Amino acid sequence: MAKNLKPGTPAPKSGQYRVPGSKTEVTAVKGKPLPPTPKAGQGYQLVDPTKHKPKGK
């Protein structure tokens, strides 16, 4: 089971994050704070990390 990240926590990786049990996803950028959740006590889980292509190839 993945660890829940609290709102306001810097995103460890860029990608799509979801509140467990919800269908709503948010896009987060690595190092930027995660947005507030709909209800107090909720957190985020990374569901789809961003896939980066190497530059110059």
N, C-alpha and C. Protein backbone atom coordinates (compact mmCIF):
# COMPACT_ATOMS: atom_id res chain seq x y z
N MET A 1 0.85 -1.19 0.00
CA MET A 1 0.00 0.00 0.00
C MET A 1 0.89 1.25 0.00
N ALA A 2 0.60 2.17 -0.86
CA ALA A 2 1.39 3.39 -0.98
C ALA A 2 1.09 4.34 0.19
N LYS A 3 2.09 5.13 0.52
CA LYS A 3 1.95 6.09 1.61
C LYS A 3 1.18 7.32 1.14
N ASN A 4 0.26 7.80 1.97
CA ASN A 4 -0.47 9.03 1.66
C ASN A 4 0.40 10.24 1.92
N LEU A 5 0.37 11.19 1.00
CA LEU A 5 1.10 12.45 1.15
C LEU A 5 0.11 13.53 1.56
N LYS A 6 0.46 14.31 2.54
CA LYS A 6 -0.42 15.36 3.04
C LYS A 6 -0.45 16.55 2.08
N PRO A 7 -1.58 17.25 2.02
CA PRO A 7 -1.64 18.48 1.21
C PRO A 7 -0.58 19.47 1.70
N GLY A 8 0.04 20.18 0.78
CA GLY A 8 1.08 21.14 1.14
C GLY A 8 2.47 20.53 1.12
N THR A 9 2.55 19.19 1.09
CA THR A 9 3.83 18.50 1.02
C THR A 9 4.39 18.66 -0.39
N PRO A 10 5.69 18.94 -0.54
CA PRO A 10 6.25 18.99 -1.90
C PRO A 10 6.13 17.62 -2.57
N ALA A 11 5.70 17.62 -3.82
CA ALA A 11 5.55 16.36 -4.56
C ALA A 11 6.92 15.72 -4.77
N PRO A 12 7.08 14.44 -4.40
CA PRO A 12 8.37 13.79 -4.58
C PRO A 12 8.70 13.51 -6.04
N LYS A 13 7.67 13.37 -6.88
CA LYS A 13 7.83 13.13 -8.33
C LYS A 13 6.73 13.87 -9.07
N SER A 14 6.99 14.24 -10.31
CA SER A 14 5.95 14.84 -11.14
C SER A 14 5.00 13.74 -11.61
N GLY A 15 3.71 14.07 -11.70
CA GLY A 15 2.76 13.09 -12.20
C GLY A 15 1.35 13.35 -11.70
N GLN A 16 0.50 12.34 -11.87
CA GLN A 16 -0.90 12.42 -11.46
C GLN A 16 -1.05 11.83 -10.07
N TYR A 17 -1.69 12.58 -9.18
CA TYR A 17 -1.93 12.15 -7.81
C TYR A 17 -3.43 12.07 -7.59
N ARG A 18 -3.85 11.10 -6.77
CA ARG A 18 -5.27 10.89 -6.50
C ARG A 18 -5.48 10.71 -5.00
N VAL A 19 -6.64 11.22 -4.52
CA VAL A 19 -7.06 10.96 -3.16
C VAL A 19 -7.63 9.54 -3.18
N PRO A 20 -7.12 8.61 -2.34
CA PRO A 20 -7.63 7.23 -2.35
C PRO A 20 -9.15 7.21 -2.18
N GLY A 21 -9.80 6.40 -3.01
CA GLY A 21 -11.26 6.30 -2.97
C GLY A 21 -11.97 7.33 -3.83
N SER A 22 -11.22 8.22 -4.45
CA SER A 22 -11.78 9.28 -5.29
C SER A 22 -11.39 9.04 -6.74
N LYS A 23 -12.15 9.60 -7.66
CA LYS A 23 -11.82 9.50 -9.08
C LYS A 23 -11.11 10.75 -9.57
N THR A 24 -11.07 11.78 -8.75
CA THR A 24 -10.46 13.04 -9.14
C THR A 24 -8.95 12.95 -9.02
N GLU A 25 -8.25 13.37 -10.08
CA GLU A 25 -6.79 13.39 -10.07
C GLU A 25 -6.30 14.83 -10.21
N VAL A 26 -5.13 15.08 -9.64
CA VAL A 26 -4.48 16.38 -9.79
C VAL A 26 -3.09 16.14 -10.38
N THR A 27 -2.62 17.09 -11.16
CA THR A 27 -1.28 17.02 -11.71
C THR A 27 -0.36 17.82 -10.81
N ALA A 28 0.73 17.19 -10.40
CA ALA A 28 1.68 17.86 -9.52
C ALA A 28 3.06 17.86 -10.17
N VAL A 29 3.83 18.91 -9.91
CA VAL A 29 5.19 19.05 -10.41
C VAL A 29 6.14 18.78 -9.25
N LYS A 30 7.20 18.02 -9.52
CA LYS A 30 8.18 17.67 -8.49
C LYS A 30 8.65 18.92 -7.76
N GLY A 31 8.59 18.87 -6.43
CA GLY A 31 9.05 19.98 -5.60
C GLY A 31 8.00 21.03 -5.29
N LYS A 32 6.89 21.03 -6.01
CA LYS A 32 5.82 22.00 -5.76
C LYS A 32 4.83 21.40 -4.76
N PRO A 33 4.21 22.21 -3.89
CA PRO A 33 3.28 21.67 -2.90
C PRO A 33 2.01 21.10 -3.51
N LEU A 34 1.55 19.99 -2.91
CA LEU A 34 0.28 19.38 -3.34
C LEU A 34 -0.87 20.28 -2.90
N PRO A 35 -1.94 20.35 -3.69
CA PRO A 35 -3.07 21.23 -3.36
C PRO A 35 -3.90 20.70 -2.20
N PRO A 36 -4.80 21.54 -1.66
CA PRO A 36 -5.69 21.07 -0.60
C PRO A 36 -6.59 19.93 -1.09
N THR A 37 -6.98 19.05 -0.17
CA THR A 37 -7.89 17.95 -0.49
C THR A 37 -9.32 18.39 -0.22
N PRO A 38 -10.31 17.66 -0.78
CA PRO A 38 -11.71 18.03 -0.56
C PRO A 38 -12.14 17.99 0.92
N LYS A 39 -11.59 17.05 1.69
CA LYS A 39 -11.96 16.92 3.10
C LYS A 39 -10.71 16.85 3.97
N ALA A 40 -10.84 17.30 5.20
CA ALA A 40 -9.72 17.25 6.15
C ALA A 40 -9.33 15.80 6.41
N GLY A 41 -8.05 15.56 6.62
CA GLY A 41 -7.56 14.23 6.95
C GLY A 41 -7.25 13.35 5.74
N GLN A 42 -7.51 13.85 4.53
CA GLN A 42 -7.21 13.08 3.33
C GLN A 42 -5.79 13.34 2.87
N GLY A 43 -5.29 12.47 2.00
CA GLY A 43 -3.95 12.64 1.45
C GLY A 43 -3.95 12.20 -0.01
N TYR A 44 -2.77 12.24 -0.62
CA TYR A 44 -2.62 11.90 -2.03
C TYR A 44 -1.71 10.69 -2.20
N GLN A 45 -1.95 9.96 -3.30
CA GLN A 45 -1.07 8.87 -3.71
C GLN A 45 -0.73 9.07 -5.19
N LEU A 46 0.53 8.83 -5.53
CA LEU A 46 0.98 8.92 -6.92
C LEU A 46 0.39 7.74 -7.69
N VAL A 47 -0.36 8.02 -8.76
CA VAL A 47 -0.96 6.95 -9.55
C VAL A 47 -0.37 6.84 -10.96
N ASP A 48 0.22 7.92 -11.47
CA ASP A 48 0.78 7.90 -12.82
C ASP A 48 1.95 8.87 -12.91
N PRO A 49 3.19 8.37 -12.65
CA PRO A 49 4.34 9.26 -12.73
C PRO A 49 4.56 9.76 -14.16
N THR A 50 5.08 10.96 -14.29
CA THR A 50 5.40 11.53 -15.60
C THR A 50 6.59 10.78 -16.19
N LYS A 51 6.50 10.49 -17.48
CA LYS A 51 7.57 9.80 -18.17
C LYS A 51 8.34 10.83 -19.01
N HIS A 52 9.60 11.04 -18.69
CA HIS A 52 10.42 12.02 -19.39
C HIS A 52 11.29 11.33 -20.42
N LYS A 53 11.41 11.96 -21.59
CA LYS A 53 12.30 11.45 -22.62
C LYS A 53 13.63 12.17 -22.47
N PRO A 54 14.76 11.45 -22.70
CA PRO A 54 16.06 12.13 -22.64
C PRO A 54 16.16 13.23 -23.69
N LYS A 55 16.77 14.35 -23.32
CA LYS A 55 16.93 15.45 -24.28
C LYS A 55 18.01 15.12 -25.30
N GLY A 56 17.79 15.58 -26.54
CA GLY A 56 18.78 15.42 -27.59
C GLY A 56 18.81 14.05 -28.23
N LYS A 57 17.81 13.24 -28.01
CA LYS A 57 17.81 11.90 -28.62
C LYS A 57 16.57 11.68 -29.43
